[in-house]
């Protein structure tokens, strides 16, 4: 299948497949990009959730939702799902928890009372600011040892791949 840009698939140094002892073709995780995405994300999320729960009483999903509400005040839940790529159930549970903790202002839409615009209240902003410091420190530790120009190339590639996912 041709690459969406028309340039054809990218040349690879390593293939994402190998032969198993029976001679069947199987995934070789050393060259399979989705393995690294999933592996890094799972380990990072698990560690963040444990730290955030211990220090702040919310997990990584609530942090992601809280962070996006801070980024886009007045955002509806449907947009949060779209932007941070979480399912409606996870976003709904996170919003409910943040609301129960007294961190949100939820204003019903005049046209549909079930649809609410979400904003952080002062307590929400206070938690956001504390968590932001921790999240940025975690990111700094994650990219430690990566040259700035390599990080920029990596982020460019990730943005391209993220856009490609939308077209799959």
Foldseek 3Di string as FASTA:
>chain_A
DADPVNPRDDDDPDDQWDADPVRDIDGDLVRDVVNVVVVVVVVLQVVQQVVCCVPPNGGPLLLLLLVVCAVPFQDWLVVSCVPVVDDSVSSVVSVVVCVVVVFWDWDADPVGRVITGIHGDPVSVVSNVVVVVVVVVSVCVVCPPPDPVNVVVVVVVVVVVVVVVVVD
